[in-house]
Amino acid sequence: MKRTVVDNEIVIVGGGICGLATALALHRKRIKSLVLEKSEELRATGAAIIVQANGWHALDQLGVGSILRQTAIQIHGGKFISLSEDESKEAPFGINGEFRCLKRTDLIKAIANCLPHETIRTGCQVLSIELDPVTKYPQLLLSNGSILQAKVVIGCDGVNSMVSNMVSLHPTKLLRFSTCVARGFTKYQNDHQFPSEFVMISRGQVQLGRIPITDKLVYWFVTRLSTSQDSIISKDPVLIRRSLLESIEDFPVHAMDMIHNCKLSSLHLTDLKYRPPWDLLLNRFNKGTTVVAGDAMHATGPFMAQGGSTSIEDAIVLARCLAEKMDNTTDAIAERNDIEEAFDKYAKERRMRIFWLSLNTFLVGKRLDTKSCIVRSIVFAMVFVLFRDPDGHSRYNCGTL
């Protein structure tokens, strides 16, 4: 069978938050791209995404911040609640700048609606990537048998990135935390009466987080140690809910009710994979005219609530670096050497930002994983010394497009 060969200068693999944000950032710089998403529709796994001040700056650069602010209330503060057999302890904490929780579907829709219709191609899986022997640019073999000739390939295809594996950008394997996370929504017929705050309730190695999205909708997540049954439980929302209720049986009644009345269709239980922080100092993020961004670049745990925002930051920086190499007279993409220079600059700018975030997340995750009081104390001391400003990560500014 003869294969159809189609030329596309910039191909983005993955239609999640990072892939769409990258396409929109390029679009704002008047650079065309094609997004390939293997699912039949745009995906929004994970229920919701917490967006802090740095993320809102990035969303404003994309031009969708004002749209998304209408979908979620602003969170003004928070508190930690530690449960024990003797007594409960509360510790309030402040929030630096703008803080909201968005439904992932709202975020995906807002970005996708700003893109030209022909930008996104769903139901399109990439089977392999090879270098053209003549041009030395990437060729993508698709599941429908066609071949895409691209000058640039941007891998935004998530934690288990096919792009990074194919071009050997990450020779080390992803690791797993001992902790897993379940996420979901609870919708209240009447207003839920929760204040506009982020609440974290913990007992032993189980934590429950609660954030209102609107007056009627609440996003929540539960972290607990993984079990041998999780692979089975994760396939059935009813089993997920039952497992969560068992995990938080000593939590307040309103927390139990929230999980019991959740929307089953919103439930997800996943293990937590991460790339060791030291790998981010040593590994390459680009090879030739192929580059990775988002979770494909810096998979971390969710403990700092920065994964989505950091991916949008990647999109802003990547588009800015690439646009600097554009030929303004022809609107054509630059030649190979210029593209590689743009990606080198992007990687250099992002490396230390994602390293420190990854290290912070790694330490928090390890503190949740361990049952040893000694190890917890050591990790706590390291976090205190290295990250004295707990809100420092949200003050980061990725710059402008």
Protein backbone atom coordinates (compact mmCIF):
# COMPACT_ATOMS: atom_id res chain seq x y z
CA MET A 1 0.00 0.00 0.00
CA LYS A 2 1.35 3.39 -0.99
CA ARG A 3 1.66 5.76 1.92
CA THR A 4 0.54 9.38 1.71
CA VAL A 5 3.30 11.85 2.62
CA VAL A 6 2.20 15.23 3.97
CA ASP A 7 4.42 18.18 4.92
CA ASN A 8 3.80 20.02 8.19
CA GLU A 9 6.45 22.33 9.56
CA ILE A 10 5.56 22.02 13.26
CA VAL A 11 3.88 18.91 14.68
CA ILE A 12 2.83 18.72 18.34
CA VAL A 13 2.27 15.19 19.65
CA GLY A 14 -0.37 15.17 22.40
CA GLY A 15 -3.59 17.17 22.76
CA GLY A 16 -3.56 17.66 26.52
CA ILE A 17 -3.04 20.91 28.39
CA CYS A 18 0.60 21.29 27.35
CA GLY A 19 0.06 20.39 23.71
CA LEU A 20 -2.86 22.76 23.25
CA ALA A 21 -1.14 25.54 25.21
CA THR A 22 1.94 25.19 23.02
CA ALA A 23 -0.18 25.36 19.88
CA LEU A 24 -1.96 28.47 21.15
CA ALA A 25 1.30 30.14 22.20
CA LEU A 26 2.67 29.53 18.70
CA HIS A 27 -0.60 30.76 17.19
CA ARG A 28 -0.28 34.01 19.19
CA LYS A 29 3.15 34.39 17.57
CA ARG A 30 1.54 33.74 14.15
CA ILE A 31 3.20 30.35 13.80
CA LYS A 32 1.11 27.47 12.50
CA SER A 33 1.24 24.02 14.06
CA LEU A 34 -0.60 20.72 13.94
CA VAL A 35 -1.67 18.93 17.13
CA LEU A 36 -2.00 15.14 16.97
CA GLU A 37 -4.16 13.53 19.66
CA LYS A 38 -4.52 9.74 19.66
CA SER A 39 -7.89 9.80 21.49
CA GLU A 40 -11.08 10.35 19.55
CA GLU A 41 -11.73 13.54 21.52
CA LEU A 42 -9.64 15.98 23.53
CA ARG A 43 -8.71 14.48 26.89
CA ALA A 44 -9.08 16.03 30.32
CA THR A 45 -7.97 13.27 32.70
CA GLY A 46 -7.63 14.30 36.33
CA ALA A 47 -10.89 16.20 36.98
CA ALA A 48 -9.40 19.58 37.93
CA ILE A 49 -6.23 21.62 37.99
CA ILE A 50 -5.08 24.07 40.66
CA VAL A 51 -3.72 27.26 39.12
CA GLN A 52 -1.64 29.60 41.23
CA ALA A 53 -0.29 33.08 40.47
CA ASN A 54 2.45 31.92 38.07
CA GLY A 55 -0.08 29.86 36.13
CA TRP A 56 -2.48 32.78 35.80
CA HIS A 57 0.29 34.93 34.40
CA ALA A 58 0.94 32.25 31.77
CA LEU A 59 -2.78 31.90 30.97
CA ASP A 60 -3.02 35.66 30.53
CA GLN A 61 -0.16 35.47 28.04
CA LEU A 62 -2.18 32.90 26.10
CA GLY A 63 -5.17 35.23 26.19
CA VAL A 64 -7.54 32.87 28.01
CA GLY A 65 -7.18 34.04 31.61
CA SER A 66 -10.20 36.36 31.57
CA ILE A 67 -12.40 33.57 30.15
CA LEU A 68 -11.34 31.05 32.76
CA ARG A 69 -11.71 33.41 35.72
CA GLN A 70 -15.45 33.36 35.06
CA THR A 71 -15.57 29.59 35.65
CA ALA A 72 -14.03 29.40 39.14
CA ILE A 73 -14.10 31.39 42.36
CA GLN A 74 -10.91 32.78 43.85
CA ILE A 75 -9.43 31.03 46.89
CA HIS A 76 -8.34 33.47 49.60
CA GLY A 77 -6.60 31.25 52.14
CA GLY A 78 -6.31 27.79 53.56
CA LYS A 79 -5.69 25.63 56.57
CA PHE A 80 -4.07 22.36 57.54
CA ILE A 81 -6.01 20.07 59.86
CA SER A 82 -4.10 17.26 61.54
CA LEU A 83 -6.26 14.53 63.06
CA SER A 84 -5.06 12.33 65.89
CA GLU A 85 -6.60 10.17 68.60
CA ASP A 86 -5.98 12.84 71.22
CA GLU A 87 -6.96 16.08 69.50
CA SER A 88 -7.20 17.85 66.19
CA LYS A 89 -4.85 20.69 65.33
CA GLU A 90 -5.49 23.45 62.82
CA ALA A 91 -2.89 25.70 61.22
CA PRO A 92 -4.04 28.45 58.83
CA PHE A 93 -1.88 29.46 55.89
CA GLY A 94 -1.97 32.34 53.47
CA ILE A 95 -2.02 32.19 49.68
CA ASN A 96 0.28 34.23 47.50
CA GLY A 97 -1.57 36.00 44.71
CA GLU A 98 -4.31 34.54 42.55
CA PHE A 99 -5.36 30.99 43.30
CA ARG A 100 -8.26 29.14 41.67
CA CYS A 101 -9.20 25.58 40.85
CA LEU A 102 -10.33 24.95 37.27
CA LYS A 103 -12.18 22.05 35.74
CA ARG A 104 -9.81 20.52 33.23
CA THR A 105 -12.57 20.40 30.65
CA ASP A 106 -13.04 24.18 31.03
CA LEU A 107 -9.32 24.77 30.52
CA ILE A 108 -9.08 22.45 27.52
CA LYS A 109 -12.16 24.00 25.93
CA ALA A 110 -10.99 27.58 26.46
CA ILE A 111 -7.63 26.90 24.79
CA ALA A 112 -9.03 24.78 21.96
CA ASN A 113 -11.68 27.38 21.11
CA CYS A 114 -8.95 29.95 20.45
CA LEU A 115 -7.17 27.76 17.91
CA PRO A 116 -7.94 27.58 14.17
CA HIS A 117 -10.18 24.58 13.50
CA GLU A 118 -7.60 22.75 11.38
CA THR A 119 -4.96 22.87 14.16
CA ILE A 120 -6.21 19.83 16.09
CA ARG A 121 -6.45 16.33 14.64
CA THR A 122 -7.99 13.73 16.97
CA GLY A 123 -7.94 9.96 16.56
CA CYS A 124 -4.42 10.24 15.21
CA GLN A 125 -1.77 8.08 16.83
CA VAL A 126 1.94 8.34 16.10
CA LEU A 127 3.49 4.88 15.68
CA SER A 128 7.10 5.87 15.10
CA ILE A 129 9.45 8.78 14.48
CA GLU A 130 12.47 8.52 12.21
CA LEU A 131 14.84 10.97 10.60
CA ASP A 132 14.51 11.47 6.88
CA PRO A 133 17.80 10.21 5.39
CA VAL A 134 17.97 13.18 3.02
CA THR A 135 16.64 16.18 4.93
CA LYS A 136 17.52 14.89 8.45
CA TYR A 137 14.16 16.21 9.66
CA PRO A 138 11.69 13.99 11.56
CA GLN A 139 9.19 11.74 9.82
CA LEU A 140 6.13 10.57 11.76
CA LEU A 141 4.38 7.35 10.80
CA LEU A 142 0.69 7.55 11.77
CA SER A 143 -1.75 4.79 12.58
CA ASN A 144 -3.70 5.47 9.38
CA GLY A 145 -0.61 4.63 7.33
CA SER A 146 0.25 8.18 6.30
CA ILE A 147 3.58 9.89 6.93
CA LEU A 148 4.05 13.43 8.21
CA GLN A 149 7.22 15.22 7.22
CA ALA A 150 7.97 17.79 9.91
CA LYS A 151 10.72 20.29 10.52
CA VAL A 152 9.85 20.42 14.21
CA VAL A 153 8.34 17.79 16.52
CA ILE A 154 7.24 18.86 20.01
CA GLY A 155 6.44 16.00 22.37
CA CYS A 156 3.65 16.93 24.78
CA ASP A 157 2.48 13.37 25.17
CA GLY A 158 2.58 13.01 28.93
CA VAL A 159 4.31 10.96 31.59
CA ASN A 160 4.81 7.90 29.37
CA SER A 161 6.10 10.00 26.49
CA MET A 162 6.49 8.08 23.27
CA VAL A 163 8.38 10.99 21.71
CA SER A 164 11.05 11.12 24.41
CA ASN A 165 11.50 7.35 24.23
CA MET A 166 11.80 7.30 20.46
CA VAL A 167 14.46 9.99 20.31
CA SER A 168 16.23 8.75 23.49
CA LEU A 169 15.90 12.03 25.34
CA HIS A 170 15.38 10.30 28.70
CA PRO A 171 17.54 7.19 29.09
CA THR A 172 16.40 6.66 32.68
CA LYS A 173 13.08 5.12 33.66
CA LEU A 174 10.31 6.84 35.57
CA LEU A 175 10.01 5.92 39.23
CA ARG A 176 6.91 5.57 41.39
CA PHE A 177 5.99 7.05 44.72
CA SER A 178 4.49 4.62 47.21
CA THR A 179 1.57 7.04 47.38
CA CYS A 180 -1.37 7.05 44.96
CA VAL A 181 -4.00 9.73 44.44
CA ALA A 182 -7.74 9.70 43.79
CA ARG A 183 -9.50 12.76 42.42
CA GLY A 184 -13.11 13.72 41.92
CA PHE A 185 -15.94 16.26 42.04
CA THR A 186 -18.90 16.59 44.33
CA LYS A 187 -21.82 18.71 43.18
CA TYR A 188 -24.27 20.06 45.76
CA GLN A 189 -27.88 20.79 44.84
CA ASN A 190 -27.83 23.79 47.12
CA ASP A 191 -24.75 25.89 47.89
CA HIS A 192 -22.15 23.77 49.68
CA GLN A 193 -21.45 26.35 52.43
CA PHE A 194 -17.69 25.72 52.37
CA PRO A 195 -15.64 28.93 52.68
CA SER A 196 -13.40 30.06 49.84
CA GLU A 197 -10.35 28.24 51.15
CA PHE A 198 -8.06 25.32 50.40
CA VAL A 199 -8.34 22.75 53.22
CA MET A 200 -5.92 19.88 53.80
CA ILE A 201 -6.94 17.21 56.33
CA SER A 202 -4.43 14.54 57.29
CA ARG A 203 -4.41 11.47 59.48
CA GLY A 204 -1.37 9.24 59.40
CA GLN A 205 -0.42 8.71 55.75
CA VAL A 206 -3.83 9.67 54.38
CA GLN A 207 -4.48 13.22 53.22
CA LEU A 208 -7.66 14.79 51.85
CA GLY A 209 -7.65 18.11 50.03
CA ARG A 210 -10.78 20.15 49.35
CA ILE A 211 -11.15 23.22 47.10
CA PRO A 212 -14.42 24.81 45.98
CA ILE A 213 -14.65 25.60 42.26
CA THR A 214 -18.06 27.28 42.34
CA ASP A 215 -20.76 27.74 44.96
CA LYS A 216 -22.10 24.28 44.08
CA LEU A 217 -19.08 22.33 42.87
CA VAL A 218 -16.14 21.09 44.98
CA TYR A 219 -12.95 19.46 43.80
CA TRP A 220 -11.23 17.05 46.16
CA PHE A 221 -8.35 14.61 46.17
CA VAL A 222 -7.17 11.87 48.51
CA THR A 223 -3.62 10.56 48.77
CA ARG A 224 -2.86 7.28 50.50
CA LEU A 225 -0.34 4.47 50.26
CA SER A 226 -0.78 2.27 47.21
CA THR A 227 -2.09 -1.28 47.62
CA SER A 228 -1.81 -4.44 45.53
CA GLN A 229 -5.52 -4.11 44.67
CA ASP A 230 -5.29 -0.62 43.15
CA SER A 231 -4.91 -1.87 39.58
CA ILE A 232 -8.31 -3.55 39.92
CA ILE A 233 -9.93 -0.79 41.97
CA SER A 234 -8.89 1.92 39.51
CA LYS A 235 -11.07 0.40 36.77
CA ASP A 236 -14.34 0.72 38.71
CA PRO A 237 -15.58 4.06 40.15
CA VAL A 238 -17.74 2.26 42.71
CA LEU A 239 -14.70 0.38 44.01
CA ILE A 240 -12.69 3.60 44.08
CA ARG A 241 -15.32 5.30 46.20
CA ARG A 242 -15.58 2.33 48.55
CA SER A 243 -11.80 2.26 48.98
CA LEU A 244 -11.69 5.99 49.72
CA LEU A 245 -14.45 5.78 52.31
CA GLU A 246 -12.48 3.06 54.07
CA SER A 247 -9.34 5.19 53.97
CA ILE A 248 -11.02 8.24 55.56
CA GLU A 249 -13.39 6.48 57.96
CA ASP A 250 -11.99 8.54 60.88
CA PHE A 251 -12.30 11.85 59.05
CA PRO A 252 -15.05 14.43 59.76
CA VAL A 253 -18.60 13.60 58.67
CA HIS A 254 -18.69 16.33 56.02
CA ALA A 255 -15.61 14.78 54.37
CA MET A 256 -17.21 11.32 54.36
CA ASP A 257 -20.41 12.79 52.89
CA MET A 258 -18.46 14.62 50.21
CA ILE A 259 -16.84 11.39 48.98
CA HIS A 260 -20.06 9.39 49.33
CA ASN A 261 -22.01 11.90 47.20
CA CYS A 262 -19.32 12.43 44.57
CA LYS A 263 -19.90 12.20 40.83
CA LEU A 264 -18.82 8.66 39.96
CA SER A 265 -17.96 9.68 36.41
CA SER A 266 -15.34 12.10 37.72
CA LEU A 267 -13.43 9.56 39.82
CA HIS A 268 -9.86 8.63 38.93
CA LEU A 269 -7.33 6.63 40.93
CA THR A 270 -3.75 6.70 39.68
CA ASP A 271 -0.29 5.85 40.87
CA LEU A 272 2.23 8.67 40.89
CA LYS A 273 5.22 8.49 38.57
CA TYR A 274 8.08 10.94 38.66
CA ARG A 275 11.40 11.65 37.04
CA PRO A 276 14.16 11.95 39.64
CA PRO A 277 15.16 15.61 40.06
CA TRP A 278 18.83 14.89 39.38
CA ASP A 279 17.91 13.54 35.95
CA LEU A 280 16.59 16.98 35.04
CA LEU A 281 20.09 18.36 35.59
CA LEU A 282 21.77 15.71 33.45
CA ASN A 283 19.36 14.77 30.65
CA ARG A 284 18.70 16.52 27.37
CA PHE A 285 15.27 17.90 26.57
CA ASN A 286 15.91 18.31 22.85
CA LYS A 287 17.62 16.35 20.12
CA GLY A 288 17.96 17.84 16.67
CA THR A 289 14.64 19.51 15.90
CA THR A 290 12.67 17.39 18.36
CA VAL A 291 11.89 18.69 21.84
CA VAL A 292 9.68 17.74 24.79
CA ALA A 293 7.55 19.81 27.15
CA GLY A 294 5.14 19.31 30.04
CA ASP A 295 5.04 15.91 31.76
CA ALA A 296 7.06 14.42 28.91
CA MET A 297 9.87 16.68 30.09
CA HIS A 298 9.45 16.86 33.86
CA ALA A 299 6.99 14.34 35.27
CA THR A 300 6.55 15.09 38.98
CA GLY A 301 4.10 14.30 41.74
CA PRO A 302 1.11 16.60 42.32
CA PHE A 303 2.19 17.73 45.79
CA MET A 304 3.08 21.31 44.80
CA ALA A 305 0.02 21.72 42.54
CA GLN A 306 2.27 23.05 39.78
CA GLY A 307 2.26 20.38 37.08
CA GLY A 308 -0.31 22.03 34.82
CA SER A 309 0.93 25.57 35.37
CA THR A 310 4.52 24.54 34.70
CA SER A 311 3.43 22.93 31.43
CA ILE A 312 1.79 26.19 30.35
CA GLU A 313 4.99 28.02 31.28
CA ASP A 314 6.86 25.59 29.00
CA ALA A 315 4.53 26.53 26.16
CA ILE A 316 5.16 30.27 26.61
CA VAL A 317 8.95 29.93 26.75
CA LEU A 318 9.11 27.44 23.89
CA ALA A 319 6.99 29.59 21.57
CA ARG A 320 8.99 32.69 22.46
CA CYS A 321 12.34 31.01 21.76
CA LEU A 322 11.13 29.51 18.49
CA ALA A 323 9.56 32.76 17.28
CA GLU A 324 12.89 34.54 17.70
CA LYS A 325 14.26 32.29 14.95
CA MET A 326 11.42 32.87 12.52
CA ASP A 327 12.03 34.54 9.19
CA ASN A 328 9.78 37.58 9.56
CA THR A 329 9.75 38.19 5.82
CA THR A 330 8.39 34.78 4.82
CA ASP A 331 6.75 33.44 8.00
CA ALA A 332 8.69 30.23 7.34
CA ILE A 333 10.23 28.20 10.10
CA ALA A 334 13.96 28.61 10.55
CA GLU A 335 16.59 26.19 9.34
CA ARG A 336 17.81 23.26 11.42
CA ASN A 337 20.69 25.04 13.17
CA ASP A 338 18.43 27.93 14.17
CA ILE A 339 15.78 25.55 15.48
CA GLU A 340 18.34 23.68 17.54
CA GLU A 341 19.61 26.98 18.97
CA ALA A 342 16.05 27.95 19.90
CA PHE A 343 15.51 24.63 21.67
CA ASP A 344 18.85 24.88 23.45
CA LYS A 345 17.82 28.29 24.77
CA TYR A 346 14.43 26.93 25.84
CA ALA A 347 16.02 23.99 27.65
CA LYS A 348 18.52 26.24 29.40
CA GLU A 349 15.79 28.63 30.58
CA ARG A 350 13.55 25.86 31.89
CA ARG A 351 16.10 23.50 33.45
CA MET A 352 16.63 25.09 36.86
CA ARG A 353 12.99 26.13 37.22
CA ILE A 354 11.76 22.57 36.81
CA PHE A 355 14.67 21.13 38.81
CA TRP A 356 13.78 23.06 41.97
CA LEU A 357 10.09 22.32 41.58
CA SER A 358 10.85 18.66 41.01
CA LEU A 359 13.15 18.51 44.04
CA ASN A 360 10.52 20.13 46.26
CA THR A 361 7.86 17.72 45.02
CA PHE A 362 10.21 14.75 45.43
CA LEU A 363 10.92 15.61 49.07
CA VAL A 364 7.24 16.14 49.92
CA GLY A 365 6.36 12.86 48.21
CA LYS A 366 9.03 10.95 50.10
CA ARG A 367 7.79 12.42 53.38
CA LEU A 368 4.33 11.04 52.61
CA ASP A 369 5.74 7.68 51.54
CA THR A 370 7.72 6.85 54.65
CA LYS A 371 6.46 5.50 57.95
CA SER A 372 9.74 6.33 59.69
CA CYS A 373 9.61 9.34 62.00
CA ILE A 374 13.36 9.76 61.59
CA VAL A 375 13.18 9.89 57.79
CA ARG A 376 10.24 12.29 57.99
CA SER A 377 12.22 14.58 60.28
CA ILE A 378 15.21 14.54 57.91
CA VAL A 379 13.04 15.31 54.89
CA PHE A 380 11.22 18.06 56.79
CA ALA A 381 14.57 19.63 57.70
CA MET A 382 15.71 19.53 54.06
CA VAL A 383 12.50 21.18 52.89
CA PHE A 384 12.87 23.85 55.58
CA VAL A 385 16.47 24.61 54.59
CA LEU A 386 16.06 24.48 50.80
CA PHE A 387 12.56 25.94 50.50
CA ARG A 388 12.20 28.52 53.24
CA ASP A 389 9.69 30.46 51.14
CA PRO A 390 6.77 28.03 50.65
CA ASP A 391 5.16 30.33 48.07
CA GLY A 392 8.32 31.02 46.10
CA HIS A 393 7.35 28.66 43.28
CA SER A 394 4.13 30.62 42.64
CA ARG A 395 6.03 33.92 42.31
CA TYR A 396 7.89 32.68 39.25
CA ASN A 397 7.34 34.70 36.09
CA CYS A 398 7.82 32.91 32.77
CA GLY A 399 7.90 36.22 30.88
CA THR A 400 5.83 37.38 27.95
CA LEU A 401 5.09 36.05 24.53
